[in-house]
Amino acid sequence: MKLGKRLLLLAGATGLAITLTNAAAQESWPERPVKIISPYGAGGPNDISARLLGERLSSRLGQTFVVENKTGAGTIVANNFVAKAAPDGYHVLYAAAPYSTLEALHGSLSYDPKKDLKAVAMVATVPLFLIVNADSPYKTVDDLIKHGKSNTDGLTVGSPGHGSLPHLAAELLLIDAGTKGLVVHYKGDVAAYTDLVAGRIDATLTAITAALPHIQAGKLRVLGVASETASGIYPDARPLKDQGLSSVVAAGWYGFMVPSGTPPEIVQRLDDEVGLALNDASIKKRLLDLGMETRPGTSAQFAQFIQSEMDKWGGVIKHANLKAQ
């Protein structure tokens, strides 16, 4: 047999062996418990939703999906841990919105967010709502913007922390509105809403869950939502893009990622299983109660979304000259 033909046969056999090995990996995975790495502490929306999906995956795949909280550095600790883990499907990052902004804020990271982790499945978005004190004169978005333009100091907008997605959304609002302003940072949404109720700031643009008791008590007023369409979480809120703030579309998000190099068959199986979970009415309802709107899609769609978020918020960070603190 000629050498060229032998090499072709060898290459074909090797390719078949790889295909069979990958298929076997998909069929047998998971053979032991899988760790879902949450970048936040226990008890918050990220942790609770991770555990909810972990329970569903455990029942479907016959192995325990255990949530492990690795907090710190604005999600960098968890991101880096999974980025450096073996690419075998046994360490899964439950990524959050800061994933797409950290590089622009820090300049460089201990991992490459574009190369070291692979998008698997988006889970949900967390829409941001523009909220003011109910006793304020701001009945509409236009009222608030006019105040910002006429006031020497512009607007004061509360955020749950420097560099957070609500912080960046507030900066985007000021840019779009063409007004000066100050973004005031708090340790979480609850503290920001406390000051809003007290009248110490003009507005917040963040998740609505912690504000709902104040809204229901008539202490806060919702002016709009930073999304393309109305939100099932608070359907009465009109999109800000339809109220003169055309570029103010922003939401927190959560989704699964794995180390790059994880077999594509495992990525596909996990993607499929998460998609099935997100189409379950009971899971949709439980996530909605946490202030999350399910957003199932393919791994490729999630990767495209992350890249678009990096591009968008990178521009805002550069315009506002923001740096990590």
Protein backbone atom coordinates (compact mmCIF):
# COMPACT_ATOMS: atom_id res chain seq x y z
CA MET A 1 0.00 0.00 0.00
CA LYS A 2 1.35 3.41 -0.93
CA LEU A 3 2.42 5.76 1.86
CA GLY A 4 -0.11 8.45 0.92
CA LYS A 5 -2.99 6.01 1.08
CA ARG A 6 -1.79 4.67 4.43
CA LEU A 7 -1.65 8.21 5.83
CA LEU A 8 -5.17 8.90 4.61
CA LEU A 9 -6.45 5.74 6.22
CA LEU A 10 -4.63 6.58 9.45
CA ALA A 11 -6.05 10.10 9.46
CA GLY A 12 -9.54 8.73 8.89
CA ALA A 13 -9.16 6.22 11.70
CA THR A 14 -7.84 8.92 14.01
CA GLY A 15 -10.76 11.20 13.19
CA LEU A 16 -13.21 8.37 13.81
CA ALA A 17 -11.55 7.60 17.13
CA ILE A 18 -11.81 11.25 18.21
CA THR A 19 -15.47 11.37 17.19
CA LEU A 20 -16.23 8.19 19.11
CA THR A 21 -14.30 9.45 22.14
CA ASN A 22 -16.20 12.75 22.13
CA ALA A 23 -19.51 10.95 21.69
CA ALA A 24 -18.62 8.70 24.61
CA ALA A 25 -17.73 11.77 26.69
CA GLN A 26 -21.15 13.25 26.00
CA GLU A 27 -22.91 9.98 26.69
CA SER A 28 -21.11 9.33 29.99
CA TRP A 29 -20.91 12.92 31.27
CA PRO A 30 -21.42 13.59 34.09
CA GLU A 31 -19.82 10.62 35.86
CA ARG A 32 -19.28 12.51 39.12
CA PRO A 33 -20.66 15.66 40.82
CA VAL A 34 -20.42 18.91 38.87
CA LYS A 35 -19.54 22.19 40.60
CA ILE A 36 -21.48 25.30 39.64
CA ILE A 37 -19.30 28.24 40.65
CA SER A 38 -21.30 31.28 41.75
CA PRO A 39 -19.42 34.60 41.90
CA TYR A 40 -21.68 35.93 44.66
CA GLY A 41 -22.50 34.95 48.22
CA ALA A 42 -25.30 32.69 49.38
CA GLY A 43 -28.85 34.00 49.44
CA GLY A 44 -28.79 36.47 46.55
CA PRO A 45 -30.54 36.09 43.16
CA ASN A 46 -27.44 34.64 41.48
CA ASP A 47 -27.01 32.01 44.19
CA ILE A 48 -30.71 31.15 44.47
CA SER A 49 -31.20 30.78 40.71
CA ALA A 50 -28.00 28.74 40.42
CA ARG A 51 -29.31 26.32 43.05
CA LEU A 52 -32.70 26.14 41.34
CA LEU A 53 -31.11 25.18 38.03
CA GLY A 54 -28.62 22.89 39.76
CA GLU A 55 -31.51 20.91 41.27
CA ARG A 56 -33.11 20.56 37.85
CA LEU A 57 -29.85 19.43 36.22
CA SER A 58 -29.21 16.96 39.04
CA SER A 59 -32.59 15.30 38.55
CA ARG A 60 -32.19 15.18 34.77
CA LEU A 61 -28.57 14.02 34.53
CA GLY A 62 -28.31 11.71 37.53
CA GLN A 63 -25.38 13.47 39.21
CA THR A 64 -25.29 16.21 41.81
CA PHE A 65 -24.79 19.76 40.56
CA VAL A 66 -23.52 21.52 43.66
CA VAL A 67 -23.23 25.30 43.95
CA GLU A 68 -19.95 26.60 45.31
CA ASN A 69 -19.71 30.31 46.15
CA LYS A 70 -16.41 31.97 45.27
CA THR A 71 -16.84 35.66 45.96
CA GLY A 72 -14.50 38.57 45.53
CA ALA A 73 -13.11 41.25 43.22
CA GLY A 74 -16.41 41.92 41.49
CA THR A 75 -16.73 38.29 40.21
CA ILE A 76 -13.06 38.05 39.10
CA VAL A 77 -12.25 35.36 41.68
CA ALA A 78 -14.93 32.98 40.38
CA ASN A 79 -14.25 33.79 36.73
CA ASN A 80 -10.53 33.13 37.12
CA PHE A 81 -11.11 29.90 39.06
CA VAL A 82 -13.21 28.37 36.30
CA ALA A 83 -10.99 29.77 33.54
CA LYS A 84 -8.05 27.85 35.06
CA ALA A 85 -10.03 24.65 35.79
CA ALA A 86 -9.70 21.46 33.74
CA PRO A 87 -11.86 21.61 30.58
CA ASP A 88 -13.76 18.44 31.39
CA GLY A 89 -17.26 19.69 32.16
CA TYR A 90 -16.99 19.41 35.95
CA HIS A 91 -16.55 23.11 36.70
CA VAL A 92 -19.25 25.42 35.37
CA LEU A 93 -19.29 29.18 35.92
CA TYR A 94 -22.63 30.83 36.60
CA ALA A 95 -21.46 34.07 35.05
CA ALA A 96 -23.01 37.48 35.69
CA ALA A 97 -23.09 40.84 33.89
CA PRO A 98 -19.74 42.14 35.25
CA TYR A 99 -18.07 39.45 33.14
CA SER A 100 -18.49 41.70 30.09
CA THR A 101 -17.21 44.91 31.74
CA LEU A 102 -14.27 43.88 33.92
CA GLU A 103 -11.57 44.01 31.27
CA ALA A 104 -12.55 47.54 30.22
CA LEU A 105 -12.56 48.66 33.86
CA HIS A 106 -9.32 46.96 34.92
CA GLY A 107 -7.29 47.12 31.71
CA SER A 108 -6.06 43.55 32.17
CA LEU A 109 -7.15 40.48 34.10
CA SER A 110 -5.60 37.25 35.34
CA TYR A 111 -7.59 35.43 32.63
CA ASP A 112 -8.67 36.36 29.11
CA PRO A 113 -12.48 36.75 29.08
CA LYS A 114 -12.54 36.41 25.29
CA LYS A 115 -10.47 33.22 25.10
CA ASP A 116 -10.33 31.32 28.40
CA LEU A 117 -14.04 30.67 28.90
CA LYS A 118 -16.73 29.47 26.52
CA ALA A 119 -20.36 30.56 26.56
CA VAL A 120 -22.75 27.64 27.09
CA ALA A 121 -26.24 28.92 27.79
CA MET A 122 -27.78 32.21 28.79
CA VAL A 123 -30.28 31.88 31.62
CA ALA A 124 -31.94 35.21 32.32
CA THR A 125 -31.78 38.97 32.23
CA VAL A 126 -32.54 41.34 35.09
CA PRO A 127 -34.23 44.48 33.69
CA LEU A 128 -33.33 47.84 35.20
CA PHE A 129 -36.07 50.31 36.14
CA LEU A 130 -35.87 54.08 36.41
CA ILE A 131 -37.46 54.96 39.75
CA VAL A 132 -38.02 58.26 41.58
CA ASN A 133 -39.52 59.37 44.88
CA ALA A 134 -43.31 59.47 44.62
CA ASP A 135 -43.34 62.91 46.28
CA SER A 136 -40.93 64.36 43.72
CA PRO A 137 -42.16 66.60 40.88
CA TYR A 138 -40.93 64.04 38.31
CA LYS A 139 -44.05 62.50 36.82
CA THR A 140 -42.37 61.53 33.52
CA VAL A 141 -38.92 60.81 32.14
CA ASP A 142 -39.05 64.21 30.43
CA ASP A 143 -39.63 65.91 33.79
CA LEU A 144 -36.54 64.24 35.21
CA ILE A 145 -34.36 65.17 32.23
CA LYS A 146 -35.55 68.80 32.29
CA HIS A 147 -34.60 68.98 35.96
CA GLY A 148 -31.15 67.61 35.18
CA LYS A 149 -30.58 70.18 32.45
CA SER A 150 -31.81 73.11 34.52
CA ASN A 151 -30.08 72.15 37.76
CA THR A 152 -26.47 73.34 38.15
CA ASP A 153 -25.34 69.98 39.49
CA GLY A 154 -27.50 67.91 37.13
CA LEU A 155 -29.03 64.65 38.35
CA THR A 156 -28.04 62.41 41.24
CA VAL A 157 -28.62 58.74 40.40
CA GLY A 158 -28.07 55.91 42.88
CA SER A 159 -26.33 52.65 41.98
CA PRO A 160 -25.58 49.48 43.96
CA GLY A 161 -21.83 49.89 43.47
CA HIS A 162 -19.02 51.39 41.40
CA GLY A 163 -18.55 49.56 38.11
CA SER A 164 -21.81 47.64 38.44
CA LEU A 165 -24.14 47.34 35.47
CA PRO A 166 -26.61 49.82 37.06
CA HIS A 167 -23.70 52.27 37.46
CA LEU A 168 -22.86 51.98 33.77
CA ALA A 169 -26.55 52.23 32.83
CA ALA A 170 -26.81 55.45 34.86
CA GLU A 171 -23.77 56.86 33.03
CA LEU A 172 -25.43 55.91 29.74
CA LEU A 173 -28.63 57.67 30.83
CA LEU A 174 -26.70 60.89 31.56
CA ILE A 175 -24.97 60.67 28.17
CA ASP A 176 -28.22 60.07 26.28
CA ALA A 177 -30.13 62.75 28.22
CA GLY A 178 -27.36 65.26 27.58
CA THR A 179 -27.19 66.35 31.18
CA LYS A 180 -24.56 66.51 33.89
CA GLY A 181 -24.94 64.35 36.92
CA LEU A 182 -23.44 62.32 39.72
CA VAL A 183 -23.80 58.59 40.20
CA VAL A 184 -23.89 57.87 43.93
CA HIS A 185 -22.68 54.40 44.91
CA TYR A 186 -24.17 52.28 47.67
CA LYS A 187 -23.55 48.80 49.02
CA GLY A 188 -26.46 47.17 47.23
CA ASP A 189 -29.91 48.13 46.01
CA VAL A 190 -31.57 48.31 49.44
CA ALA A 191 -29.35 51.17 50.63
CA ALA A 192 -29.89 53.07 47.38
CA TYR A 193 -33.67 52.77 47.67
CA THR A 194 -33.52 53.88 51.32
CA ASP A 195 -31.89 57.15 50.26
CA LEU A 196 -34.33 57.53 47.35
CA VAL A 197 -37.28 57.21 49.74
CA ALA A 198 -35.63 59.80 51.99
CA GLY A 199 -35.27 62.21 49.03
CA ARG A 200 -31.47 62.36 49.17
CA ILE A 201 -31.04 61.39 45.49
CA ASP A 202 -33.14 62.06 42.38
CA ALA A 203 -33.47 58.57 40.94
CA THR A 204 -32.18 55.01 40.69
CA LEU A 205 -31.77 52.83 37.61
CA THR A 206 -31.42 49.31 38.94
CA ALA A 207 -33.28 46.07 39.62
CA ILE A 208 -36.80 46.58 40.96
CA THR A 209 -37.18 43.70 43.44
CA ALA A 210 -35.98 45.58 46.54
CA ALA A 211 -38.07 48.61 45.55
CA LEU A 212 -41.40 46.83 45.18
CA PRO A 213 -42.49 47.22 48.84
CA HIS A 214 -41.85 50.98 48.58
CA ILE A 215 -43.68 51.17 45.25
CA GLN A 216 -46.66 49.29 46.64
CA ALA A 217 -46.67 51.60 49.68
CA GLY A 218 -46.83 54.64 47.39
CA LYS A 219 -43.39 55.93 48.36
CA LEU A 220 -41.66 55.38 45.00
CA ARG A 221 -42.76 55.90 41.39
CA VAL A 222 -41.57 53.90 38.35
CA LEU A 223 -40.86 56.07 35.28
CA GLY A 224 -39.73 53.37 32.87
CA VAL A 225 -37.70 50.25 32.15
CA ALA A 226 -34.36 50.06 30.32
CA SER A 227 -35.42 47.29 27.95
CA GLU A 228 -36.53 46.86 24.35
CA THR A 229 -40.07 45.97 25.38
CA ALA A 230 -42.22 46.07 28.52
CA SER A 231 -41.17 43.68 31.28
CA GLY A 232 -43.30 40.94 32.81
CA ILE A 233 -41.82 41.89 36.18
CA TYR A 234 -43.56 45.27 36.15
CA PRO A 235 -45.65 45.51 32.96
CA ASP A 236 -46.84 49.09 33.56
CA ALA A 237 -43.36 50.52 32.96
CA ARG A 238 -42.78 51.82 29.42
CA PRO A 239 -39.37 51.27 27.80
CA LEU A 240 -37.07 54.27 28.21
CA LYS A 241 -36.14 53.99 24.55
CA ASP A 242 -39.73 54.98 23.76
CA GLN A 243 -39.53 57.98 26.10
CA GLY A 244 -36.67 59.94 24.57
CA LEU A 245 -33.74 57.84 25.82
CA SER A 246 -33.19 55.75 22.69
CA SER A 247 -29.89 54.14 23.71
CA VAL A 248 -30.77 53.35 27.33
CA VAL A 249 -31.25 49.60 27.04
CA ALA A 250 -29.53 47.74 29.87
CA ALA A 251 -30.02 44.65 31.97
CA GLY A 252 -28.11 42.47 34.33
CA TRP A 253 -27.74 38.88 33.16
CA TYR A 254 -26.77 35.37 34.22
CA GLY A 255 -25.57 32.40 32.20
CA PHE A 256 -23.41 29.30 32.19
CA MET A 257 -19.82 29.19 30.91
CA VAL A 258 -17.11 26.53 30.95
CA PRO A 259 -13.35 26.49 30.40
CA SER A 260 -12.37 26.74 26.75
CA GLY A 261 -11.44 23.33 25.42
CA THR A 262 -14.40 21.61 27.08
CA PRO A 263 -15.63 18.96 24.60
CA PRO A 264 -18.30 20.46 22.32
CA GLU A 265 -20.58 17.50 22.99
CA ILE A 266 -20.63 18.33 26.70
CA VAL A 267 -21.24 22.00 25.93
CA GLN A 268 -24.14 21.02 23.68
CA ARG A 269 -25.67 18.67 26.23
CA LEU A 270 -25.50 21.28 28.98
CA ASP A 271 -26.94 23.89 26.61
CA ASP A 272 -29.82 21.55 25.73
CA GLU A 273 -30.59 20.75 29.36
CA VAL A 274 -30.57 24.40 30.43
CA GLY A 275 -32.89 25.20 27.53
CA LEU A 276 -35.34 22.53 28.66
CA ALA A 277 -35.24 23.89 32.21
CA LEU A 278 -35.95 27.44 31.08
CA ASN A 279 -39.01 26.29 29.16
CA ASP A 280 -40.49 24.81 32.33
CA ALA A 281 -43.34 27.06 33.53
CA SER A 282 -42.56 26.54 37.22
CA ILE A 283 -38.90 27.54 36.76
CA LYS A 284 -39.91 30.58 34.71
CA LYS A 285 -42.23 31.66 37.52
CA ARG A 286 -39.63 31.18 40.24
CA LEU A 287 -37.06 33.17 38.28
CA LEU A 288 -39.60 35.92 37.58
CA ASP A 289 -40.23 36.16 41.33
CA LEU A 290 -36.49 36.81 41.71
CA GLY A 291 -36.71 39.67 39.21
CA MET A 292 -35.35 37.61 36.30
CA GLU A 293 -36.74 37.08 32.83
CA THR A 294 -35.69 33.79 31.24
CA ARG A 295 -33.75 34.09 28.00
CA PRO A 296 -33.02 30.67 26.48
CA GLY A 297 -30.88 30.44 23.38
CA THR A 298 -27.94 28.69 21.79
CA SER A 299 -24.33 28.76 22.91
CA ALA A 300 -23.47 30.84 19.83
CA GLN A 301 -26.19 33.37 20.62
CA PHE A 302 -24.93 33.72 24.19
CA ALA A 303 -21.37 34.26 22.93
CA GLN A 304 -22.59 36.96 20.54
CA PHE A 305 -24.51 38.63 23.36
CA ILE A 306 -21.45 38.72 25.62
CA GLN A 307 -19.35 40.26 22.85
CA SER A 308 -22.00 42.90 22.16
CA GLU A 309 -22.10 43.74 25.87
CA MET A 310 -18.30 44.08 25.94
CA ASP A 311 -18.42 46.46 22.98
CA LYS A 312 -21.30 48.55 24.34
CA TRP A 313 -20.15 48.98 27.91
CA GLY A 314 -16.52 49.34 26.91
CA GLY A 315 -17.57 52.46 25.02
CA VAL A 316 -19.47 53.85 28.01
CA ILE A 317 -16.55 53.14 30.35
CA LYS A 318 -14.16 54.94 28.01
CA HIS A 319 -16.51 57.92 27.55
CA ALA A 320 -17.03 58.30 31.31
CA ASN A 321 -13.32 57.67 31.99
CA LEU A 322 -14.13 55.00 34.56
CA LYS A 323 -11.57 52.79 36.29
CA ALA A 324 -11.90 49.94 38.74
CA GLN A 325 -11.67 50.90 42.40
